[in-house]
């Protein structure tokens, strides 16, 4: 799966879960500051990424995922559905 495909799936999840205009989602979008996601929102989002991409995201790795671009890179490197 290409990084563009991963980005599009993540952007769709964000648009749906956080009710954000799909066109405003970029690689630089920050989960905590731009989405105002609390810890529960973020954990649920991480779980959805794991389900969607078949990737195991450890708690330590999740703590370091701050932007959409970082999530795309992580999924590209760790996805079971390549």
N, C-alpha and C. Protein backbone atom coordinates (compact mmCIF):
# COMPACT_ATOMS: atom_id res chain seq x y z
N UNK A 1 0.85 -1.18 0.00
CA UNK A 1 0.00 0.00 0.00
C UNK A 1 0.89 1.25 0.00
N UNK A 2 0.58 2.19 -0.87
CA UNK A 2 1.41 3.39 -0.98
C UNK A 2 1.10 4.37 0.16
N UNK A 3 2.02 5.30 0.37
CA UNK A 3 1.80 6.31 1.41
C UNK A 3 0.57 7.16 1.09
N UNK A 4 0.31 7.41 -0.20
CA UNK A 4 -0.89 8.17 -0.58
C UNK A 4 -2.16 7.41 -0.18
N UNK A 5 -2.16 6.10 -0.41
CA UNK A 5 -3.32 5.30 -0.03
C UNK A 5 -3.51 5.29 1.49
N UNK A 6 -2.40 5.17 2.21
CA UNK A 6 -2.46 5.20 3.67
C UNK A 6 -2.98 6.55 4.15
N UNK A 7 -2.43 7.63 3.58
CA UNK A 7 -2.90 8.97 3.96
C UNK A 7 -4.39 9.11 3.73
N UNK A 8 -4.87 8.67 2.58
CA UNK A 8 -6.30 8.81 2.27
C UNK A 8 -7.17 8.05 3.25
N UNK A 9 -6.75 6.85 3.63
CA UNK A 9 -7.54 6.08 4.61
C UNK A 9 -7.52 6.76 5.98
N UNK A 10 -6.35 7.24 6.40
CA UNK A 10 -6.25 7.93 7.69
C UNK A 10 -7.09 9.20 7.66
N UNK A 11 -7.01 9.95 6.56
CA UNK A 11 -7.78 11.19 6.44
C UNK A 11 -9.28 10.90 6.52
N UNK A 12 -9.73 9.80 5.90
CA UNK A 12 -11.14 9.43 5.97
C UNK A 12 -11.55 9.12 7.41
N UNK A 13 -10.69 8.41 8.13
CA UNK A 13 -10.97 8.08 9.53
C UNK A 13 -11.07 9.36 10.35
N UNK A 14 -10.12 10.27 10.16
CA UNK A 14 -10.11 11.53 10.92
C UNK A 14 -11.35 12.35 10.61
N UNK A 15 -11.69 12.46 9.32
CA UNK A 15 -12.86 13.24 8.92
C UNK A 15 -14.12 12.70 9.57
N UNK A 16 -14.24 11.38 9.61
CA UNK A 16 -15.41 10.74 10.20
C UNK A 16 -15.41 10.84 11.73
N UNK A 17 -14.31 10.48 12.34
CA UNK A 17 -14.25 10.42 13.80
C UNK A 17 -14.25 11.80 14.46
N UNK A 18 -13.54 12.75 13.86
CA UNK A 18 -13.39 14.06 14.50
C UNK A 18 -14.21 15.16 13.82
N UNK A 19 -15.05 14.76 12.84
CA UNK A 19 -15.92 15.68 12.13
C UNK A 19 -15.15 16.88 11.59
N UNK A 20 -14.09 16.57 10.86
CA UNK A 20 -13.23 17.59 10.25
C UNK A 20 -13.47 17.55 8.74
N UNK A 21 -13.47 18.72 8.12
CA UNK A 21 -13.59 18.79 6.66
C UNK A 21 -12.42 18.03 6.05
N UNK A 22 -12.70 17.07 5.19
CA UNK A 22 -11.68 16.19 4.60
C UNK A 22 -10.60 17.00 3.88
N UNK A 23 -10.98 18.12 3.27
CA UNK A 23 -10.02 18.94 2.53
C UNK A 23 -9.03 19.66 3.43
N UNK A 24 -9.30 19.74 4.72
CA UNK A 24 -8.41 20.44 5.65
C UNK A 24 -7.39 19.51 6.30
N UNK A 25 -7.45 18.24 5.98
CA UNK A 25 -6.53 17.27 6.58
C UNK A 25 -5.27 17.19 5.72
N UNK A 26 -4.14 17.49 6.36
CA UNK A 26 -2.84 17.46 5.68
C UNK A 26 -1.88 16.58 6.48
N UNK A 27 -0.71 16.35 5.93
CA UNK A 27 0.31 15.57 6.64
C UNK A 27 0.78 16.28 7.90
N UNK A 28 0.65 17.60 7.94
CA UNK A 28 1.10 18.39 9.10
C UNK A 28 0.05 18.51 10.19
N UNK A 29 -1.16 18.01 9.96
CA UNK A 29 -2.22 18.13 10.96
C UNK A 29 -1.79 17.41 12.24
N UNK A 30 -1.88 18.12 13.36
CA UNK A 30 -1.47 17.57 14.65
C UNK A 30 -2.71 17.05 15.38
N UNK A 31 -2.65 15.80 15.82
CA UNK A 31 -3.81 15.18 16.46
C UNK A 31 -4.25 15.93 17.71
N UNK A 32 -3.29 16.31 18.51
CA UNK A 32 -3.64 16.88 19.81
C UNK A 32 -3.98 18.37 19.74
N UNK A 33 -3.23 19.13 18.94
CA UNK A 33 -3.49 20.57 18.90
C UNK A 33 -4.51 20.96 17.84
N UNK A 34 -4.45 20.36 16.67
CA UNK A 34 -5.38 20.74 15.60
C UNK A 34 -6.75 20.08 15.73
N UNK A 35 -6.78 18.89 16.29
CA UNK A 35 -8.06 18.18 16.43
C UNK A 35 -8.64 18.33 17.83
N UNK A 36 -7.85 18.85 18.75
CA UNK A 36 -8.29 18.98 20.14
C UNK A 36 -8.76 17.63 20.68
N UNK A 37 -8.02 16.57 20.32
CA UNK A 37 -8.36 15.21 20.73
C UNK A 37 -7.89 14.97 22.16
N UNK A 38 -8.80 14.47 22.99
CA UNK A 38 -8.38 14.10 24.34
C UNK A 38 -7.79 12.70 24.29
N UNK A 39 -7.32 12.22 25.43
CA UNK A 39 -6.61 10.93 25.45
C UNK A 39 -7.52 9.77 25.03
N UNK A 40 -8.78 9.82 25.39
CA UNK A 40 -9.70 8.74 25.01
C UNK A 40 -9.94 8.76 23.50
N UNK A 41 -10.15 9.95 22.94
CA UNK A 41 -10.32 10.07 21.48
C UNK A 41 -9.10 9.51 20.76
N UNK A 42 -7.92 9.85 21.26
CA UNK A 42 -6.69 9.42 20.61
C UNK A 42 -6.51 7.91 20.68
N UNK A 43 -6.79 7.32 21.84
CA UNK A 43 -6.68 5.86 21.98
C UNK A 43 -7.65 5.16 21.03
N UNK A 44 -8.88 5.66 20.95
CA UNK A 44 -9.85 5.05 20.04
C UNK A 44 -9.39 5.18 18.59
N UNK A 45 -8.80 6.32 18.25
CA UNK A 45 -8.27 6.54 16.91
C UNK A 45 -7.14 5.54 16.61
N UNK A 46 -6.23 5.36 17.57
CA UNK A 46 -5.12 4.41 17.39
C UNK A 46 -5.67 2.99 17.20
N UNK A 47 -6.66 2.61 17.97
CA UNK A 47 -7.27 1.28 17.83
C UNK A 47 -7.89 1.11 16.45
N UNK A 48 -8.51 2.16 15.94
CA UNK A 48 -9.10 2.10 14.60
C UNK A 48 -8.01 1.97 13.53
N UNK A 49 -6.89 2.67 13.73
CA UNK A 49 -5.77 2.50 12.80
C UNK A 49 -5.27 1.06 12.81
N UNK A 50 -5.14 0.48 14.00
CA UNK A 50 -4.68 -0.91 14.10
C UNK A 50 -5.63 -1.84 13.34
N UNK A 51 -6.93 -1.65 13.52
CA UNK A 51 -7.91 -2.50 12.84
C UNK A 51 -7.88 -2.30 11.33
N UNK A 52 -7.78 -1.05 10.91
CA UNK A 52 -7.82 -0.73 9.48
C UNK A 52 -6.60 -1.26 8.73
N UNK A 53 -5.43 -1.11 9.36
CA UNK A 53 -4.19 -1.44 8.65
C UNK A 53 -3.53 -2.73 9.11
N UNK A 54 -4.07 -3.40 10.12
CA UNK A 54 -3.46 -4.63 10.60
C UNK A 54 -2.09 -4.39 11.21
N UNK A 55 -1.91 -3.20 11.78
CA UNK A 55 -0.62 -2.83 12.37
C UNK A 55 -0.75 -2.81 13.88
N UNK A 56 0.24 -3.33 14.55
CA UNK A 56 0.31 -3.25 16.02
C UNK A 56 1.01 -1.94 16.36
N UNK A 57 0.34 -1.09 17.12
CA UNK A 57 0.92 0.19 17.51
C UNK A 57 1.09 0.18 19.03
N UNK A 58 2.32 0.08 19.47
CA UNK A 58 2.59 0.03 20.91
C UNK A 58 2.24 1.37 21.56
N UNK A 59 2.06 1.36 22.87
CA UNK A 59 1.76 2.60 23.59
C UNK A 59 2.88 3.62 23.39
N UNK A 60 4.14 3.15 23.43
CA UNK A 60 5.27 4.06 23.23
C UNK A 60 5.24 4.67 21.84
N UNK A 61 4.95 3.86 20.84
CA UNK A 61 4.88 4.37 19.47
C UNK A 61 3.73 5.36 19.33
N UNK A 62 2.58 5.04 19.91
CA UNK A 62 1.42 5.92 19.82
C UNK A 62 1.71 7.29 20.43
N UNK A 63 2.45 7.30 21.54
CA UNK A 63 2.78 8.57 22.18
C UNK A 63 3.62 9.46 21.28
N UNK A 64 4.36 8.87 20.36
CA UNK A 64 5.22 9.63 19.46
C UNK A 64 4.55 9.99 18.14
N UNK A 65 3.30 9.57 17.96
CA UNK A 65 2.57 9.92 16.74
C UNK A 65 1.80 11.22 17.01
N UNK A 66 2.33 12.30 16.51
CA UNK A 66 1.71 13.60 16.74
C UNK A 66 1.00 14.16 15.52
N UNK A 67 1.48 13.80 14.33
CA UNK A 67 0.89 14.34 13.11
C UNK A 67 0.41 13.22 12.19
N UNK A 68 -0.40 13.60 11.23
CA UNK A 68 -0.87 12.63 10.24
C UNK A 68 0.33 12.04 9.49
N UNK A 69 1.31 12.88 9.15
CA UNK A 69 2.49 12.40 8.44
C UNK A 69 3.25 11.34 9.22
N UNK A 70 3.38 11.54 10.53
CA UNK A 70 4.06 10.54 11.36
C UNK A 70 3.27 9.23 11.38
N UNK A 71 1.95 9.33 11.42
CA UNK A 71 1.11 8.13 11.41
C UNK A 71 1.25 7.40 10.08
N UNK A 72 1.26 8.15 8.98
CA UNK A 72 1.42 7.55 7.65
C UNK A 72 2.75 6.80 7.58
N UNK A 73 3.83 7.45 8.02
CA UNK A 73 5.15 6.81 7.99
C UNK A 73 5.18 5.55 8.85
N UNK A 74 4.58 5.62 10.03
CA UNK A 74 4.58 4.47 10.93
C UNK A 74 3.80 3.31 10.29
N UNK A 75 2.63 3.60 9.78
CA UNK A 75 1.81 2.55 9.15
C UNK A 75 2.54 1.96 7.94
N UNK A 76 3.17 2.81 7.13
CA UNK A 76 3.89 2.33 5.95
C UNK A 76 5.00 1.36 6.35
N UNK A 77 5.61 1.59 7.48
CA UNK A 77 6.71 0.75 7.95
C UNK A 77 6.26 -0.49 8.71
N UNK A 78 5.04 -0.45 9.27
CA UNK A 78 4.62 -1.51 10.19
C UNK A 78 3.32 -2.21 9.83
N UNK A 79 2.75 -1.91 8.69
CA UNK A 79 1.45 -2.48 8.33
C UNK A 79 1.59 -3.92 7.86
N UNK A 80 0.62 -4.73 8.27
CA UNK A 80 0.58 -6.12 7.80
C UNK A 80 -0.08 -6.19 6.43
N UNK A 81 -0.85 -5.15 6.08
CA UNK A 81 -1.57 -5.15 4.80
C UNK A 81 -0.82 -4.33 3.77
N UNK A 82 0.37 -4.79 3.43
CA UNK A 82 1.20 -4.05 2.47
C UNK A 82 0.83 -4.41 1.05
